[in-house]
Amino acid sequence: MAEPDLPALTGEQKRWAFGAAALFLLAVGFLGFALNTGVMMVFAVGWLALMIFGFVGAIRIAKGDFAHPLFKAQVMLHVVAVGLLVAVVIRAFK
């Protein structure tokens, strides 16, 4: 079966896709940590679920464009979630 001819991704699209993938892997890693230690399990499961539904919905509405403003907003939303997670961890060790 022949693959469809898809246009090559631009540099901007590759960067945003890489950012989303890195955040997703971070969320999966945190889920593993949470399940192993029993700490913040609800946040870890909820964050991963929010990521899956958010990224799928954003990329569907953006028609596959990783540089679409909606997809960028979704990535930045999860960057904020990482910032909040870091703030909670710092606060816990004070």
N, C-alpha and C. Protein backbone atom coordinates (compact mmCIF):
# COMPACT_ATOMS: atom_id res chain seq x y z
N MET A 1 0.84 -1.18 0.00
CA MET A 1 0.00 0.00 0.00
C MET A 1 0.89 1.24 0.00
N ALA A 2 0.61 2.15 -0.89
CA ALA A 2 1.40 3.37 -1.02
C ALA A 2 1.01 4.36 0.08
N GLU A 3 2.01 5.03 0.62
CA GLU A 3 1.75 6.05 1.62
C GLU A 3 1.29 7.33 0.95
N PRO A 4 0.40 8.09 1.61
CA PRO A 4 -0.04 9.35 1.00
C PRO A 4 1.10 10.36 0.97
N ASP A 5 1.07 11.23 -0.01
CA ASP A 5 2.09 12.27 -0.12
C ASP A 5 1.76 13.40 0.85
N LEU A 6 2.50 13.45 1.93
CA LEU A 6 2.28 14.47 2.94
C LEU A 6 3.36 15.54 2.81
N PRO A 7 3.00 16.80 3.03
CA PRO A 7 4.02 17.84 2.96
C PRO A 7 5.01 17.70 4.12
N ALA A 8 6.22 18.12 3.89
CA ALA A 8 7.24 18.07 4.95
C ALA A 8 6.91 19.10 6.02
N LEU A 9 7.26 18.78 7.26
CA LEU A 9 7.01 19.71 8.35
C LEU A 9 8.04 20.84 8.31
N THR A 10 7.57 22.03 8.63
CA THR A 10 8.48 23.17 8.72
C THR A 10 9.26 23.09 10.03
N GLY A 11 10.26 23.92 10.16
CA GLY A 11 11.06 23.94 11.38
C GLY A 11 10.23 24.30 12.60
N GLU A 12 9.33 25.27 12.44
CA GLU A 12 8.46 25.68 13.55
C GLU A 12 7.55 24.54 13.97
N GLN A 13 6.98 23.83 13.00
CA GLN A 13 6.11 22.70 13.32
C GLN A 13 6.88 21.61 14.05
N LYS A 14 8.11 21.36 13.63
CA LYS A 14 8.93 20.34 14.29
C LYS A 14 9.23 20.73 15.74
N ARG A 15 9.53 22.01 15.97
CA ARG A 15 9.84 22.46 17.33
C ARG A 15 8.64 22.31 18.26
N TRP A 16 7.45 22.71 17.80
CA TRP A 16 6.27 22.60 18.64
C TRP A 16 5.88 21.14 18.87
N ALA A 17 6.05 20.31 17.85
CA ALA A 17 5.76 18.88 18.01
C ALA A 17 6.75 18.25 19.00
N PHE A 18 8.03 18.64 18.91
CA PHE A 18 9.02 18.12 19.85
C PHE A 18 8.70 18.57 21.27
N GLY A 19 8.29 19.83 21.43
CA GLY A 19 7.92 20.32 22.76
C GLY A 19 6.76 19.55 23.35
N ALA A 20 5.75 19.28 22.51
CA ALA A 20 4.60 18.51 22.98
C ALA A 20 5.01 17.08 23.35
N ALA A 21 5.86 16.48 22.55
CA ALA A 21 6.31 15.11 22.83
C ALA A 21 7.14 15.07 24.11
N ALA A 22 7.99 16.06 24.32
CA ALA A 22 8.81 16.10 25.53
C ALA A 22 7.94 16.26 26.78
N LEU A 23 6.93 17.13 26.69
CA LEU A 23 6.02 17.30 27.82
C LEU A 23 5.22 16.03 28.08
N PHE A 24 4.83 15.35 27.02
CA PHE A 24 4.08 14.11 27.18
C PHE A 24 4.94 13.05 27.87
N LEU A 25 6.19 12.93 27.45
CA LEU A 25 7.09 11.96 28.09
C LEU A 25 7.34 12.33 29.56
N LEU A 26 7.44 13.62 29.86
CA LEU A 26 7.59 14.06 31.23
C LEU A 26 6.36 13.66 32.06
N ALA A 27 5.17 13.83 31.49
CA ALA A 27 3.94 13.46 32.20
C ALA A 27 3.88 11.95 32.43
N VAL A 28 4.29 11.17 31.45
CA VAL A 28 4.30 9.71 31.62
C VAL A 28 5.30 9.32 32.70
N GLY A 29 6.46 9.96 32.69
CA GLY A 29 7.46 9.69 33.72
C GLY A 29 6.95 10.07 35.11
N PHE A 30 6.26 11.20 35.21
CA PHE A 30 5.71 11.60 36.51
C PHE A 30 4.61 10.64 36.94
N LEU A 31 3.84 10.14 36.00
CA LEU A 31 2.81 9.14 36.34
C LEU A 31 3.47 7.89 36.91
N GLY A 32 4.56 7.44 36.31
CA GLY A 32 5.28 6.30 36.84
C GLY A 32 5.79 6.56 38.25
N PHE A 33 6.35 7.76 38.47
CA PHE A 33 6.81 8.13 39.81
C PHE A 33 5.66 8.15 40.80
N ALA A 34 4.52 8.73 40.38
CA ALA A 34 3.37 8.83 41.28
C ALA A 34 2.81 7.45 41.63
N LEU A 35 2.73 6.57 40.65
CA LEU A 35 2.23 5.23 40.93
C LEU A 35 3.20 4.45 41.81
N ASN A 36 4.48 4.69 41.67
CA ASN A 36 5.49 3.98 42.46
C ASN A 36 5.49 4.45 43.91
N THR A 37 5.33 5.77 44.11
CA THR A 37 5.43 6.32 45.46
C THR A 37 4.08 6.58 46.11
N GLY A 38 3.03 6.66 45.32
CA GLY A 38 1.71 6.97 45.87
C GLY A 38 1.50 8.45 46.13
N VAL A 39 2.37 9.29 45.59
CA VAL A 39 2.30 10.74 45.81
C VAL A 39 1.70 11.41 44.58
N MET A 40 0.69 12.24 44.79
CA MET A 40 0.06 13.04 43.73
C MET A 40 -0.45 12.19 42.56
N MET A 41 -1.04 11.03 42.87
CA MET A 41 -1.52 10.15 41.80
C MET A 41 -2.66 10.78 41.01
N VAL A 42 -3.56 11.46 41.70
CA VAL A 42 -4.70 12.07 41.01
C VAL A 42 -4.23 13.12 40.03
N PHE A 43 -3.25 13.94 40.44
CA PHE A 43 -2.71 14.95 39.54
C PHE A 43 -2.05 14.30 38.34
N ALA A 44 -1.25 13.26 38.57
CA ALA A 44 -0.52 12.61 37.48
C ALA A 44 -1.47 11.99 36.46
N VAL A 45 -2.49 11.30 36.92
CA VAL A 45 -3.45 10.68 36.00
C VAL A 45 -4.25 11.76 35.27
N GLY A 46 -4.69 12.77 36.01
CA GLY A 46 -5.47 13.85 35.41
C GLY A 46 -4.67 14.64 34.40
N TRP A 47 -3.41 14.90 34.70
CA TRP A 47 -2.56 15.66 33.79
C TRP A 47 -2.35 14.90 32.49
N LEU A 48 -2.10 13.60 32.59
CA LEU A 48 -1.90 12.80 31.39
C LEU A 48 -3.19 12.72 30.56
N ALA A 49 -4.33 12.56 31.22
CA ALA A 49 -5.61 12.53 30.50
C ALA A 49 -5.88 13.88 29.82
N LEU A 50 -5.62 14.97 30.54
CA LEU A 50 -5.80 16.30 29.95
C LEU A 50 -4.89 16.48 28.74
N MET A 51 -3.68 15.97 28.82
CA MET A 51 -2.75 16.07 27.69
C MET A 51 -3.27 15.31 26.48
N ILE A 52 -3.69 14.08 26.70
CA ILE A 52 -4.15 13.26 25.57
C ILE A 52 -5.34 13.92 24.89
N PHE A 53 -6.36 14.25 25.66
CA PHE A 53 -7.55 14.86 25.05
C PHE A 53 -7.25 16.24 24.48
N GLY A 54 -6.41 17.01 25.15
CA GLY A 54 -6.09 18.35 24.68
C GLY A 54 -5.29 18.34 23.39
N PHE A 55 -4.25 17.52 23.34
CA PHE A 55 -3.42 17.48 22.12
C PHE A 55 -4.19 16.89 20.95
N VAL A 56 -4.96 15.84 21.19
CA VAL A 56 -5.73 15.23 20.09
C VAL A 56 -6.77 16.22 19.57
N GLY A 57 -7.47 16.87 20.48
CA GLY A 57 -8.47 17.84 20.05
C GLY A 57 -7.87 19.03 19.33
N ALA A 58 -6.76 19.54 19.84
CA ALA A 58 -6.12 20.69 19.22
C ALA A 58 -5.59 20.35 17.84
N ILE A 59 -4.97 19.19 17.70
CA ILE A 59 -4.40 18.84 16.39
C ILE A 59 -5.51 18.51 15.39
N ARG A 60 -6.64 18.02 15.90
CA ARG A 60 -7.77 17.74 15.01
C ARG A 60 -8.38 19.06 14.50
N ILE A 61 -8.57 20.01 15.39
CA ILE A 61 -9.12 21.30 14.98
C ILE A 61 -8.13 22.05 14.10
N ALA A 62 -6.82 21.91 14.38
CA ALA A 62 -5.78 22.59 13.61
C ALA A 62 -5.50 21.89 12.28
N LYS A 63 -6.18 20.79 12.01
CA LYS A 63 -6.02 20.03 10.76
C LYS A 63 -4.57 19.59 10.55
N GLY A 64 -3.93 19.13 11.65
CA GLY A 64 -2.60 18.57 11.55
C GLY A 64 -1.46 19.57 11.58
N ASP A 65 -1.76 20.84 11.79
CA ASP A 65 -0.71 21.87 11.81
C ASP A 65 -0.21 22.06 13.24
N PHE A 66 1.03 21.61 13.49
CA PHE A 66 1.61 21.72 14.82
C PHE A 66 1.95 23.16 15.18
N ALA A 67 2.00 24.06 14.21
CA ALA A 67 2.31 25.46 14.48
C ALA A 67 1.04 26.31 14.59
N HIS A 68 -0.13 25.67 14.65
CA HIS A 68 -1.39 26.39 14.80
C HIS A 68 -1.45 27.01 16.20
N PRO A 69 -2.02 28.21 16.34
CA PRO A 69 -2.08 28.86 17.65
C PRO A 69 -2.79 28.02 18.73
N LEU A 70 -3.78 27.25 18.37
CA LEU A 70 -4.47 26.41 19.35
C LEU A 70 -3.53 25.33 19.89
N PHE A 71 -2.75 24.72 19.01
CA PHE A 71 -1.81 23.69 19.46
C PHE A 71 -0.71 24.32 20.31
N LYS A 72 -0.26 25.51 19.92
CA LYS A 72 0.76 26.21 20.71
C LYS A 72 0.22 26.53 22.10
N ALA A 73 -1.03 26.96 22.17
CA ALA A 73 -1.64 27.26 23.46
C ALA A 73 -1.73 26.01 24.33
N GLN A 74 -2.02 24.89 23.71
CA GLN A 74 -2.09 23.63 24.45
C GLN A 74 -0.72 23.26 25.03
N VAL A 75 0.33 23.46 24.24
CA VAL A 75 1.68 23.17 24.72
C VAL A 75 2.02 24.11 25.87
N MET A 76 1.72 25.39 25.72
CA MET A 76 2.04 26.35 26.77
C MET A 76 1.23 26.09 28.04
N LEU A 77 0.02 25.60 27.91
CA LEU A 77 -0.79 25.22 29.07
C LEU A 77 -0.06 24.16 29.89
N HIS A 78 0.55 23.21 29.22
CA HIS A 78 1.25 22.14 29.93
C HIS A 78 2.61 22.60 30.45
N VAL A 79 3.20 23.62 29.83
CA VAL A 79 4.41 24.22 30.39
C VAL A 79 4.06 24.89 31.72
N VAL A 80 2.91 25.52 31.79
CA VAL A 80 2.45 26.12 33.04
C VAL A 80 2.21 25.03 34.08
N ALA A 81 1.65 23.90 33.67
CA ALA A 81 1.44 22.78 34.60
C ALA A 81 2.77 22.28 35.16
N VAL A 82 3.80 22.22 34.32
CA VAL A 82 5.13 21.82 34.80
C VAL A 82 5.64 22.85 35.81
N GLY A 83 5.44 24.12 35.52
CA GLY A 83 5.86 25.16 36.46
C GLY A 83 5.16 25.03 37.81
N LEU A 84 3.86 24.75 37.78
CA LEU A 84 3.12 24.55 39.03
C LEU A 84 3.61 23.32 39.77
N LEU A 85 3.90 22.26 39.03
CA LEU A 85 4.42 21.05 39.65
C LEU A 85 5.77 21.31 40.32
N VAL A 86 6.64 22.05 39.65
CA VAL A 86 7.94 22.40 40.22
C VAL A 86 7.75 23.25 41.47
N ALA A 87 6.81 24.19 41.42
CA ALA A 87 6.55 25.03 42.59
C ALA A 87 6.06 24.22 43.78
N VAL A 88 5.22 23.22 43.53
CA VAL A 88 4.72 22.36 44.62
C VAL A 88 5.87 21.54 45.20
N VAL A 89 6.73 21.02 44.36
CA VAL A 89 7.86 20.21 44.83
C VAL A 89 8.82 21.08 45.66
N ILE A 90 9.11 22.28 45.16
CA ILE A 90 9.99 23.19 45.92
C ILE A 90 9.38 23.53 47.26
N ARG A 91 8.10 23.79 47.25
CA ARG A 91 7.39 24.13 48.51
C ARG A 91 7.40 22.94 49.49
N ALA A 92 7.32 21.73 48.95
CA ALA A 92 7.29 20.55 49.81
C ALA A 92 8.63 20.32 50.51
N PHE A 93 9.73 20.73 49.88
CA PHE A 93 11.04 20.51 50.47
C PHE A 93 11.55 21.69 51.29
N LYS A 94 10.75 22.75 51.44
CA LYS A 94 11.16 23.89 52.27
C LYS A 94 10.95 23.59 53.72
